[in-house]
Protein backbone atom coordinates (compact mmCIF):
# COMPACT_ATOMS: atom_id res chain seq x y z
CA HIS A 1 4.98 58.42 -5.98
CA GLY A 2 4.24 62.07 -6.25
CA GLY A 3 1.45 64.08 -6.77
CA CYS A 4 -0.77 66.95 -5.54
CA SER A 5 -0.87 68.01 -2.19
CA SER A 6 -3.91 69.06 0.61
CA ARG A 7 -3.77 70.25 4.05
CA THR A 8 -6.93 68.07 5.03
CA GLN A 9 -7.55 64.27 4.90
CA ILE A 10 -10.87 63.66 3.11
CA THR A 11 -12.48 61.30 5.45
CA SER A 12 -14.88 58.25 5.49
CA SER A 13 -18.76 58.77 5.46
CA GLU A 14 -20.40 58.60 8.61
CA THR A 15 -22.48 55.77 6.70
CA GLU A 16 -19.93 53.53 5.55
CA MET A 17 -18.44 53.48 9.19
CA LEU A 18 -21.57 52.49 10.76
CA SER A 19 -22.10 49.80 8.28
CA LEU A 20 -18.53 48.63 9.33
CA LEU A 21 -18.79 48.94 12.75
CA LEU A 22 -22.48 47.20 12.77
CA LEU A 23 -20.73 44.33 10.91
CA PHE A 24 -17.86 44.13 13.43
CA LEU A 25 -20.32 44.13 16.78
CA PHE A 26 -22.27 41.07 14.94
CA SER A 27 -18.73 39.46 13.69
CA PRO A 28 -19.36 36.24 15.16
CA VAL A 29 -22.61 35.72 13.61
CA PHE A 30 -21.30 36.53 10.10
CA TYR A 31 -18.10 34.43 11.07
CA VAL A 32 -20.37 31.28 11.57
CA LEU A 33 -22.64 31.94 8.69
CA SER A 34 -19.35 32.36 6.54
CA ARG A 35 -17.96 29.04 7.62
CA LEU A 36 -21.80 27.19 6.81
CA GLN A 37 -21.41 28.90 3.35
CA ARG A 38 -18.30 27.48 2.54
CA PRO A 39 -18.46 24.45 -0.06
CA SER A 40 -17.00 21.27 0.44
CA LYS A 41 -13.98 19.94 -1.56
CA LYS A 42 -14.73 17.52 -4.12
CA ARG A 43 -13.48 13.98 -3.89
CA GLY A 44 -11.12 12.41 -6.34
CA GLU A 45 -11.61 15.52 -9.10
CA LYS A 46 -9.37 18.13 -9.68
CA THR A 47 -10.37 21.67 -8.22
CA ARG A 48 -10.89 24.51 -10.93
CA VAL A 49 -9.96 27.61 -9.66
CA ALA A 50 -10.31 31.26 -11.16
CA VAL A 51 -7.97 33.91 -10.36
CA VAL A 52 -9.10 37.52 -11.06
CA GLY A 53 -5.96 39.83 -11.25
CA GLY A 54 -2.37 39.36 -12.83
CA GLY A 55 -0.35 41.41 -10.19
CA ILE A 56 1.72 39.85 -7.65
CA ALA A 57 -1.10 38.55 -5.60
CA GLY A 58 -2.71 36.89 -8.07
CA CYS A 59 0.34 35.52 -9.72
CA GLY A 60 1.67 33.77 -6.38
CA ALA A 61 -1.51 32.54 -5.60
CA ALA A 62 -1.87 30.97 -9.27
CA TRP A 63 1.91 29.97 -8.91
CA ALA A 64 1.18 28.03 -5.56
CA LEU A 65 -2.19 26.40 -6.81
CA SER A 66 -0.10 25.07 -9.98
CA GLN A 67 2.30 23.39 -8.45
CA ASP A 68 -0.13 20.98 -6.56
CA LYS A 69 -1.61 18.38 -9.36
CA GLN A 70 -5.26 18.79 -7.54
CA PHE A 71 -5.73 21.85 -9.12
CA GLU A 72 -6.47 23.33 -12.58
CA VAL A 73 -5.84 27.23 -12.52
CA GLU A 74 -6.85 29.71 -15.03
CA LEU A 75 -5.94 33.48 -14.50
CA PHE A 76 -8.21 36.39 -15.72
CA GLU A 77 -6.09 39.84 -16.39
CA SER A 78 -7.83 43.05 -17.84
CA HIS A 79 -4.74 44.76 -19.29
CA GLN A 80 -2.22 43.05 -21.82
CA GLU A 81 0.57 42.00 -19.91
CA LEU A 82 0.86 40.70 -16.30
CA GLY A 83 2.63 42.41 -13.54
CA GLY A 84 -0.10 44.88 -11.77
CA ASN A 85 1.98 47.79 -9.86
CA ALA A 86 5.29 45.86 -11.15
CA LYS A 87 4.25 45.86 -14.51
CA THR A 88 7.74 46.90 -16.54
CA PHE A 89 7.55 49.51 -19.39
CA ALA A 90 9.29 49.27 -22.99
CA GLY A 91 10.28 52.35 -24.73
CA TRP A 92 13.02 54.06 -23.23
CA ASN A 93 15.61 55.40 -25.87
CA VAL A 94 18.99 54.72 -24.71
CA GLY A 95 21.06 55.75 -27.88
CA THR A 96 22.43 53.34 -30.59
CA ASP A 97 24.55 50.25 -30.47
CA ALA A 98 27.75 49.58 -32.70
CA LYS A 99 25.86 48.64 -35.50
CA GLY A 100 23.54 51.93 -35.20
CA LYS A 101 20.34 50.02 -34.20
CA PRO A 102 18.17 51.69 -31.44
CA ASN A 103 18.79 50.72 -28.24
CA GLU A 104 15.67 49.98 -25.57
CA ILE A 105 15.55 48.99 -22.39
CA ARG A 106 12.76 47.69 -20.25
CA THR A 107 12.09 48.78 -16.55
CA GLY A 108 9.76 49.05 -13.84
CA VAL A 109 7.62 52.51 -13.36
CA SER A 110 6.15 51.78 -10.08
CA VAL A 111 7.31 48.71 -8.16
CA VAL A 112 11.23 49.19 -8.45
CA ALA A 113 13.00 48.53 -5.24
CA TRP A 114 11.94 47.40 -1.84
CA PRO A 115 14.09 47.29 1.74
CA GLY A 116 16.58 44.65 2.00
CA ASN A 117 16.00 41.80 4.76
CA SER A 118 12.51 42.72 4.96
CA TYR A 119 10.86 41.03 2.05
CA HIS A 120 11.37 37.35 2.96
CA ASN A 121 8.98 35.56 0.86
CA TYR A 122 9.62 37.66 -2.40
CA ASP A 123 13.42 37.30 -1.74
CA ARG A 124 12.98 33.62 -1.05
CA LEU A 125 11.11 33.39 -4.36
CA MET A 126 13.96 35.27 -6.12
CA GLU A 127 16.37 32.69 -5.26
CA LEU A 128 14.16 29.92 -6.36
CA PHE A 129 13.92 31.46 -9.60
CA LYS A 130 17.44 32.50 -9.77
CA ILE A 131 16.60 35.87 -10.46
CA LYS A 132 19.34 38.35 -9.57
CA LEU A 133 18.90 41.17 -6.59
CA VAL A 134 21.23 44.01 -6.31
CA PRO A 135 21.80 46.85 -3.65
CA VAL A 136 20.64 50.22 -4.85
CA GLU A 137 21.37 53.51 -2.77
CA ILE A 138 18.88 56.45 -3.26
CA GLY A 139 18.36 59.67 -2.11
CA PHE A 140 15.66 62.51 -2.53
CA HIS A 141 15.84 65.97 -3.61
CA VAL A 142 12.95 68.63 -2.57
CA THR A 143 13.05 72.24 -3.91
CA ASP A 144 10.04 74.95 -3.08
CA HIS A 145 8.73 77.00 -5.88
CA ASN A 146 11.42 79.07 -6.49
CA ASP A 147 13.71 75.96 -7.18
CA LYS A 148 15.78 76.58 -3.47
CA VAL A 149 16.81 73.37 -2.25
CA ILE A 150 14.65 72.37 0.83
CA PHE A 151 16.14 69.04 1.38
CA ASP A 152 18.46 66.50 -0.21
CA HIS A 153 19.71 63.25 1.25
CA PHE A 154 23.08 63.77 -0.23
CA ASP A 155 23.43 67.37 0.76
CA PRO A 156 22.32 67.47 4.32
CA SER A 157 23.85 71.24 4.64
CA ALA A 158 20.93 72.20 2.36
CA MET A 159 18.57 71.92 5.20
CA SER A 160 17.73 75.25 6.79
CA PRO A 161 18.60 75.49 10.50
CA ARG A 162 14.78 75.41 11.32
CA HIS A 163 14.11 72.09 9.57
CA LYS A 164 17.08 70.93 11.19
CA LYS A 165 15.53 71.12 14.44
CA ASP A 166 12.25 69.19 12.94
CA LEU A 167 14.48 66.65 11.88
CA GLU A 168 15.73 65.83 15.31
CA ARG A 169 12.40 66.19 16.59
CA TRP A 170 11.35 63.66 14.08
CA VAL A 171 13.86 61.24 14.76
CA ARG A 172 12.53 61.27 18.79
CA VAL A 173 8.73 60.57 17.20
CA VAL A 174 10.32 57.65 15.34
CA ALA A 175 12.06 56.43 18.72
CA PHE A 176 8.90 57.10 20.70
CA CYS A 177 6.62 55.08 18.21
CA ARG A 178 8.96 52.38 18.16
CA ALA A 179 9.40 52.08 21.78
CA ILE A 180 5.33 52.14 22.06
CA ASN A 181 5.22 49.48 19.35
CA ASP A 182 7.91 47.35 20.99
CA PHE A 183 5.66 47.57 24.29
CA PHE A 184 2.52 45.86 22.46
CA ALA A 185 4.08 43.78 20.15
CA THR A 186 7.59 41.61 20.98
CA PRO A 187 10.42 42.84 18.87
CA THR A 188 12.05 40.38 16.54
CA THR A 189 15.47 40.01 15.02
CA PRO A 190 15.25 40.67 11.85
CA PRO A 191 12.43 42.95 12.07
CA SER A 192 9.35 41.91 10.59
CA LEU A 193 6.90 44.22 8.49
CA TYR A 194 4.26 42.22 9.94
CA ARG A 195 4.31 43.00 13.69
CA MET A 196 1.43 44.29 14.72
CA SER A 197 -0.87 44.45 18.00
CA TYR A 198 -4.53 44.87 17.91
CA ILE A 199 -4.50 47.02 21.13
CA ASN A 200 -1.73 49.19 20.25
CA PRO A 201 -3.55 52.90 20.47
CA LEU A 202 -0.71 54.19 17.86
CA ASN A 203 -3.20 52.14 15.51
CA VAL A 204 -5.94 54.99 15.60
CA ILE A 205 -3.78 57.93 16.81
CA PRO A 206 -2.67 59.99 13.50
CA LEU A 207 1.19 60.17 12.80
CA ARG A 208 0.47 63.93 11.95
CA TRP A 209 -0.85 64.72 15.42
CA VAL A 210 2.17 62.87 17.07
CA CYS A 211 4.62 65.21 15.43
CA ALA A 212 2.64 68.35 16.12
CA CYS A 213 2.88 67.22 20.15
CA PHE A 214 6.67 66.85 19.51
CA GLY A 215 6.69 70.38 18.03
CA ILE A 216 7.31 69.38 14.39
CA SER A 217 6.47 72.63 12.38
CA SER A 218 3.76 72.12 9.59
CA THR A 219 6.12 73.68 7.09
CA PHE A 220 8.63 70.49 7.69
CA TRP A 221 5.55 68.04 7.91
CA ASN A 222 4.24 69.34 4.33
CA HIS A 223 7.20 70.28 2.45
CA ILE A 224 9.80 67.64 3.57
CA LEU A 225 8.06 64.72 5.35
CA VAL A 226 5.13 64.86 3.06
CA SER A 227 7.16 65.23 0.11
CA VAL A 228 9.36 62.13 0.41
CA GLN A 229 6.93 59.71 1.86
CA ALA A 230 4.20 60.75 -0.44
CA THR A 231 6.51 58.49 -3.27
CA SER A 232 5.48 55.19 -1.31
CA PHE A 233 1.76 55.80 -0.54
CA LEU A 234 1.02 57.53 -4.03
CA THR A 235 -0.66 60.65 -2.58
CA THR A 236 0.07 63.80 -0.27
CA TYR A 237 -2.87 63.04 1.82
CA ILE A 238 -1.36 61.59 4.65
CA ASN A 239 -2.67 63.28 7.62
CA ASN A 240 -4.51 60.78 9.11
CA VAL A 241 -1.96 57.86 8.58
CA PRO A 242 -1.84 56.02 11.93
CA ALA A 243 1.46 56.82 13.78
CA VAL A 244 2.19 53.08 14.64
CA ILE A 245 4.03 52.81 11.09
CA ALA A 246 6.43 55.86 11.77
CA PRO A 247 9.21 53.41 12.45
CA LEU A 248 8.33 51.44 9.29
CA LEU A 249 8.70 54.53 7.49
CA ASP A 250 12.01 55.16 8.94
CA ASP A 251 13.10 51.56 8.26
CA ILE A 252 12.24 52.07 4.44
CA VAL A 253 12.95 55.66 3.64
CA PRO A 254 14.61 57.34 6.31
CA LEU A 255 15.03 61.18 6.51
CA ASP A 256 18.24 61.47 8.45
CA ARG A 257 20.67 58.97 6.27
CA LYS A 258 20.57 57.83 3.01
CA VAL A 259 18.11 55.11 1.62
CA GLN A 260 19.39 51.35 1.16
CA MET A 261 17.27 49.25 -1.29
CA VAL A 262 17.50 46.16 -3.63
CA SER A 263 16.27 45.53 -6.89
CA TRP A 264 16.30 43.38 -9.91
CA GLU A 265 19.10 43.33 -11.87
CA ASN A 266 16.99 43.66 -14.81
CA ASN A 267 13.39 43.77 -14.23
CA SER A 268 10.25 42.03 -12.90
CA ALA A 269 9.16 40.43 -16.28
CA PRO A 270 11.00 37.15 -15.71
CA VAL A 271 9.31 36.97 -12.19
CA PHE A 272 5.71 36.90 -13.92
CA GLU A 273 7.01 34.54 -16.69
CA ASN A 274 8.00 32.27 -14.14
CA LEU A 275 4.94 32.31 -11.67
CA CYS A 276 2.74 31.72 -14.52
CA LYS A 277 4.61 29.07 -16.51
CA LYS A 278 2.15 26.02 -15.71
CA VAL A 279 -1.20 28.45 -15.45
CA LYS A 280 -3.52 29.15 -18.14
CA VAL A 281 -3.34 33.09 -18.52
CA HIS A 282 -6.15 35.27 -20.23
CA THR A 283 -4.21 38.52 -20.92
CA ALA A 284 -6.71 41.51 -21.83
CA SER A 285 -9.53 39.83 -20.65
CA PRO A 286 -11.37 41.41 -18.37
CA VAL A 287 -14.25 39.60 -16.02
CA GLN A 288 -17.73 40.92 -16.73
CA THR A 289 -19.48 38.93 -14.05
CA VAL A 290 -18.92 36.35 -11.54
CA THR A 291 -22.36 34.37 -10.44
CA TYR A 292 -22.92 32.10 -7.38
CA VAL A 293 -24.57 28.88 -8.36
CA GLU A 294 -25.76 25.81 -6.47
CA ASN A 295 -22.78 23.58 -7.75
CA GLY A 296 -19.82 25.91 -8.23
CA ILE A 297 -19.19 29.70 -9.86
CA LEU A 298 -19.87 30.71 -13.28
CA LEU A 299 -17.54 33.49 -14.52
CA LYS A 300 -18.22 35.20 -17.80
CA THR A 301 -15.45 37.66 -19.42
CA GLU A 302 -16.39 40.50 -21.61
CA SER A 303 -15.30 38.86 -24.74
CA ASP A 304 -17.74 35.86 -23.67
CA ALA A 305 -20.59 38.46 -23.15
CA LYS A 306 -19.82 40.04 -26.67
CA SER A 307 -19.65 36.67 -28.49
CA GLY A 308 -22.52 34.93 -26.90
CA ALA A 309 -20.41 32.32 -25.39
CA ASN A 310 -21.20 30.41 -22.09
CA ALA A 311 -20.05 31.46 -18.74
CA ARG A 312 -17.04 29.43 -17.66
CA PRO A 313 -17.72 26.89 -14.61
CA PHE A 314 -15.05 26.99 -11.82
CA ASP A 315 -15.25 25.45 -8.05
CA ARG A 316 -13.31 28.44 -6.49
CA ILE A 317 -12.23 32.05 -7.27
CA VAL A 318 -9.19 33.95 -5.80
CA PHE A 319 -9.99 37.80 -6.46
CA ALA A 320 -6.59 39.48 -6.81
CA CYS A 321 -7.78 42.56 -8.23
CA ASP A 322 -8.96 46.07 -6.93
CA ALA A 323 -12.08 45.75 -4.09
CA ILE A 324 -14.30 48.02 -6.10
CA THR A 325 -13.98 46.08 -9.37
CA ALA A 326 -14.13 42.76 -7.61
CA ILE A 327 -17.57 43.68 -5.75
CA ARG A 328 -18.98 44.90 -8.93
CA MET A 329 -18.18 41.42 -10.71
CA ILE A 330 -20.33 39.29 -8.36
CA THR A 331 -23.75 39.55 -9.43
CA ASN A 332 -25.40 38.12 -6.34
CA PRO A 333 -23.02 38.88 -3.37
CA SER A 334 -23.57 37.96 0.39
CA ILE A 335 -24.74 41.18 2.69
CA ALA A 336 -21.56 41.04 4.49
CA GLN A 337 -19.27 40.65 0.96
CA ASN A 338 -20.89 43.78 0.12
CA ASN A 339 -20.86 45.86 3.04
CA ILE A 340 -17.13 44.75 3.81
CA ILE A 341 -15.47 45.06 0.10
CA SER A 342 -17.25 47.95 -0.83
CA ASN A 343 -16.08 50.39 2.13
CA VAL A 344 -12.40 49.94 0.96
CA THR A 345 -11.21 53.53 -0.36
CA TYR A 346 -8.13 54.06 -2.73
CA THR A 347 -5.66 57.15 -2.66
CA ASP A 348 -7.00 58.20 -6.26
CA GLN A 349 -10.66 58.82 -4.95
CA PHE A 350 -9.16 61.65 -3.15
CA ASP A 351 -5.54 63.01 -4.68
CA LYS A 352 -5.94 63.08 -8.27
CA GLY A 353 -2.77 64.43 -8.89
CA PHE A 354 -1.42 60.47 -8.84
CA THR A 355 -3.78 59.30 -11.05
CA GLN A 356 -1.49 59.64 -14.29
CA GLY A 357 2.11 60.07 -14.64
CA GLN A 358 4.11 61.04 -17.66
CA VAL A 359 7.06 58.69 -18.75
CA HIS A 360 9.22 60.97 -20.69
CA GLN A 361 13.09 61.78 -21.16
CA ASN A 362 13.13 65.50 -20.86
CA ALA A 363 15.60 66.63 -18.04
CA ASP A 364 14.87 70.30 -18.95
CA ILE A 365 11.97 70.14 -16.64
CA LEU A 366 14.23 69.61 -13.85
CA PRO A 367 16.13 73.19 -11.93
CA ALA A 368 19.17 74.09 -14.47
CA GLU A 369 21.11 74.84 -11.28
CA TYR A 370 21.05 71.44 -9.55
CA ARG A 371 20.43 69.20 -12.84
CA LYS A 372 23.77 67.71 -13.34
CA ASN A 373 23.47 66.65 -9.68
CA ILE A 374 19.67 65.30 -9.66
CA LEU A 375 20.45 63.22 -12.77
CA GLN A 376 23.62 61.75 -11.33
CA ARG A 377 22.68 60.66 -7.87
CA ASN A 378 18.90 61.33 -6.85
CA CYS A 379 16.16 58.91 -7.32
CA ASN A 380 13.26 61.65 -7.03
CA TRP A 381 12.88 65.28 -7.53
CA ILE A 382 10.01 67.01 -5.79
CA LYS A 383 9.00 70.71 -6.34
CA VAL A 384 6.64 72.15 -4.02
CA THR A 385 4.57 74.57 -5.51
CA GLU A 386 3.83 78.36 -3.97
CA ASP A 387 0.18 76.71 -3.58
CA GLY A 388 1.07 73.64 -1.90
CA ARG A 389 1.30 71.03 -4.40
CA HIS A 390 3.59 68.38 -4.81
CA GLU A 391 5.00 68.05 -8.45
CA VAL A 392 7.49 64.71 -8.30
CA THR A 393 9.68 63.27 -11.15
CA PHE A 394 11.27 59.91 -10.50
CA ILE A 395 14.85 59.96 -11.83
CA LEU A 396 15.00 56.33 -12.79
CA SER A 397 18.31 56.86 -14.89
CA SER A 398 20.38 57.61 -12.19
CA TRP A 399 20.07 54.62 -9.85
CA ILE A 400 18.01 51.60 -11.46
CA PRO A 401 20.03 48.75 -12.39
CA PRO A 402 19.25 48.21 -16.12
CA ALA A 403 20.21 51.74 -16.79
CA ARG A 404 23.82 51.68 -15.43
CA ASN A 405 25.48 50.09 -18.59
CA PHE A 406 24.03 53.03 -20.39
CA ASP A 407 25.20 57.01 -20.64
CA ARG A 408 23.48 58.92 -18.17
CA LYS A 409 22.80 61.49 -21.35
CA PHE A 410 19.83 59.51 -21.68
CA PRO A 411 17.64 60.58 -18.80
CA LEU A 412 14.91 57.70 -17.59
CA LEU A 413 11.95 60.07 -16.02
CA LEU A 414 8.27 59.75 -14.84
CA THR A 415 6.49 63.34 -13.60
CA TYR A 416 3.26 63.03 -11.42
CA GLY A 417 1.54 66.28 -10.19
CA ARG A 418 2.49 68.05 -13.14
CA PRO A 419 -0.72 70.40 -14.63
CA GLU A 420 1.14 70.78 -17.93
CA PRO A 421 2.19 68.37 -20.27
CA VAL A 422 5.69 67.71 -20.17
CA PRO A 423 7.34 68.23 -23.81
CA GLY A 424 8.15 64.89 -25.47
CA THR A 425 6.00 62.91 -23.19
CA ILE A 426 6.23 58.98 -24.55
CA SER A 427 3.63 57.47 -22.81
CA TYR A 428 1.39 57.74 -19.74
CA VAL A 429 1.37 55.60 -16.39
CA GLU A 430 -2.50 54.97 -14.98
CA ASN A 431 -3.00 54.72 -11.28
CA VAL A 432 -6.43 53.93 -10.67
CA ARG A 433 -7.28 51.76 -7.67
CA ASN A 434 -3.93 50.73 -6.97
CA HIS A 435 -2.94 51.60 -3.41
CA PRO A 436 -5.63 51.40 -0.87
CA SER A 437 -5.52 54.60 1.86
CA LEU A 438 -3.75 53.84 5.00
CA CYS A 439 -6.41 54.55 7.12
CA PHE A 440 -8.54 53.41 9.65
CA GLN A 441 -11.63 52.59 7.64
CA ASN A 442 -9.43 50.02 5.42
CA MET A 443 -7.74 48.48 8.52
CA LEU A 444 -11.23 47.81 9.90
CA VAL A 445 -11.96 46.48 6.32
CA MET A 446 -8.98 44.15 6.54
CA LEU A 447 -9.76 42.70 10.16
CA LEU A 448 -13.52 41.91 8.85
CA LEU A 449 -12.53 40.17 5.69
CA ARG A 450 -12.13 36.97 7.91
CA LEU A 451 -16.00 37.12 8.11
CA VAL A 452 -16.29 36.61 3.93
CA GLN A 453 -13.03 34.51 3.23
CA GLY A 454 -13.96 31.33 1.83
CA THR A 455 -17.71 32.17 1.35
CA TYR A 456 -19.18 30.30 -1.83
CA GLY A 457 -15.64 29.59 -2.23
CA THR A 458 -14.38 32.81 -2.84
CA TYR A 459 -11.02 34.66 -1.61
CA PHE A 460 -9.99 38.07 -1.53
CA ILE A 461 -6.16 38.81 -1.67
CA GLY A 462 -3.79 41.45 -2.55
CA SER A 463 -3.44 45.01 -0.92
CA TYR A 464 -6.43 45.67 0.63
CA ALA A 465 -6.58 42.56 2.53
CA THR A 466 -2.94 43.26 4.11
CA PRO A 467 -2.17 45.83 6.47
CA ALA A 468 -0.55 48.10 3.89
CA ASN A 469 0.49 48.26 0.27
CA CYS A 470 3.62 46.17 0.03
CA HIS A 471 4.94 43.61 -2.89
CA ASP A 472 5.98 41.28 -0.15
CA MET A 473 2.42 41.31 1.71
CA SER A 474 0.40 41.13 -1.65
CA PHE A 475 2.32 38.16 -2.62
CA LEU A 476 2.28 36.30 0.77
CA SER A 477 -1.62 36.93 0.90
CA GLY A 478 -1.53 35.05 -2.65
CA LEU A 479 0.39 32.08 -1.11
CA ILE A 480 -1.93 31.99 2.47
CA ALA A 481 -5.23 31.99 -0.20
CA ALA A 482 -3.37 29.01 -1.72
CA ARG A 483 -2.54 27.20 1.28
CA GLU A 484 -6.28 27.54 2.25
CA LEU A 485 -7.47 26.08 -0.84
CA GLY A 486 -5.26 23.08 -0.01
CA ALA A 487 -1.87 23.92 -1.55
CA PRO A 488 1.15 23.87 0.25
CA PHE A 489 3.31 26.45 1.53
CA PRO A 490 6.17 26.60 -1.08
CA PHE A 491 8.75 27.73 1.73
CA PRO A 492 8.57 25.63 4.92
CA ASP A 493 12.33 25.35 5.47
CA SER A 494 12.66 29.16 5.82
CA PRO A 495 12.13 30.30 9.35
CA LEU A 496 11.64 33.90 8.49
CA CYS A 497 8.90 33.04 5.74
CA VAL A 498 6.98 30.81 7.99
CA ARG A 499 7.30 33.57 10.72
CA ASP A 500 5.77 36.36 8.39
CA TYR A 501 3.17 33.84 7.09
CA ASN A 502 1.89 32.89 10.68
CA LYS A 503 1.89 36.49 11.35
CA LEU A 504 -0.17 37.82 8.08
CA ALA A 505 -2.45 34.66 8.28
CA SER A 506 -3.08 35.43 11.69
CA LEU A 507 -4.20 39.11 10.54
CA MET A 508 -6.23 37.67 7.53
CA GLY A 509 -8.02 35.23 10.11
CA PHE A 510 -6.60 32.11 8.55
CA SER A 511 -4.89 29.22 10.23
CA LYS A 512 -1.01 29.40 10.68
CA LEU A 513 1.23 26.67 9.53
């Protein structure tokens, strides 16, 4: 999703890594303690579950639990609407209808598309809810500070001979990493996002280092590869991204061919409406404190605290918000909870260029020479400035399904990393602690989370509890937590859904189906 660039990766402090490594060394002790600290199930009574966070992970967990009559589920969301990274934006002006009334469409602005045939559990959910998905073809357009084209998916001839050589080397890097991954983890058909081996050396070797070994220039890395892949990471600080994900990057956003994805025919709003039909939802209700007591959990919202209301009692709690917010809510966390959860890092801690995006319809910011083509066919325009920053504009109107029925003269744009305001900005998109950094420290956190899952009836789900920031992974983490609480897995008839469930459950430290 675009933003400011840097040539160096900010690393974790030695203190944070030391605390995680000590936990790793003593993990058998903490694992036994976590099992002893799991509350017993009540017999003959409904289990009251609080879910904190209304993104796809929280809503997925609440939905799975609400299908079982043994649970009473309440969901708490701090914002006015559900959706998390996939929430929709209403306010695009696309002209007037036959009666002269303004036409507005509602779209997503962050999670808007995903690779087909990879999100098995999420796609199965769409089938269940009868939500139509449509294929989309997207491509990126990258220019330098003089607005000279560096890269365009739809015009390979725009790439310089030097960069074409680098692209050939990148293809070899992907093939090399894929071969190593296949050696340590058996390939699956169709490919699985969850295929991972703990002993694969590419888990700890930076992709930047592998690219350098293959002779890929720093210019290609910073101006093309970072420009394109940063839209997935919401940061350009990707020098320390592990090489194990190179094949996944190529499968999702390849550089040597056009990008094929799927999206909702309209938007994600019906997904969250269906997920929460049987759930008691509290929007605009930030949770202030969560306290463990002898017979359960006490939750107090900010409005409860202001009004002097009593804390709300629950038997179990599922944290589906960001890690930092979660650990700050718990008034009496365990030593393991505090040391593991508080060590999650997020991209916006290092890269402020992605913290805020400008929603607008001002096509004048696009380079005049290529404006028409960009508006008609490209999903992103990335400008690499003279000082190495990346300014990224999402061109939603060129491909997003809800915009197809309207005249292209009404552009739908979202710009990140631009230091000056875009004239005519409609609104702003905030990205604070939305995307965990893809680094070794967070991978270690994910593996250590098994030491605290279930402790005092508490579960942690969402992007930091999975190998990567991915809509299907977050949704599936919610289904896994729900099953651990006693709810059935909703898609036992799908071998691919079961396969992915078992792989992620194993990574999270839970039992397989």
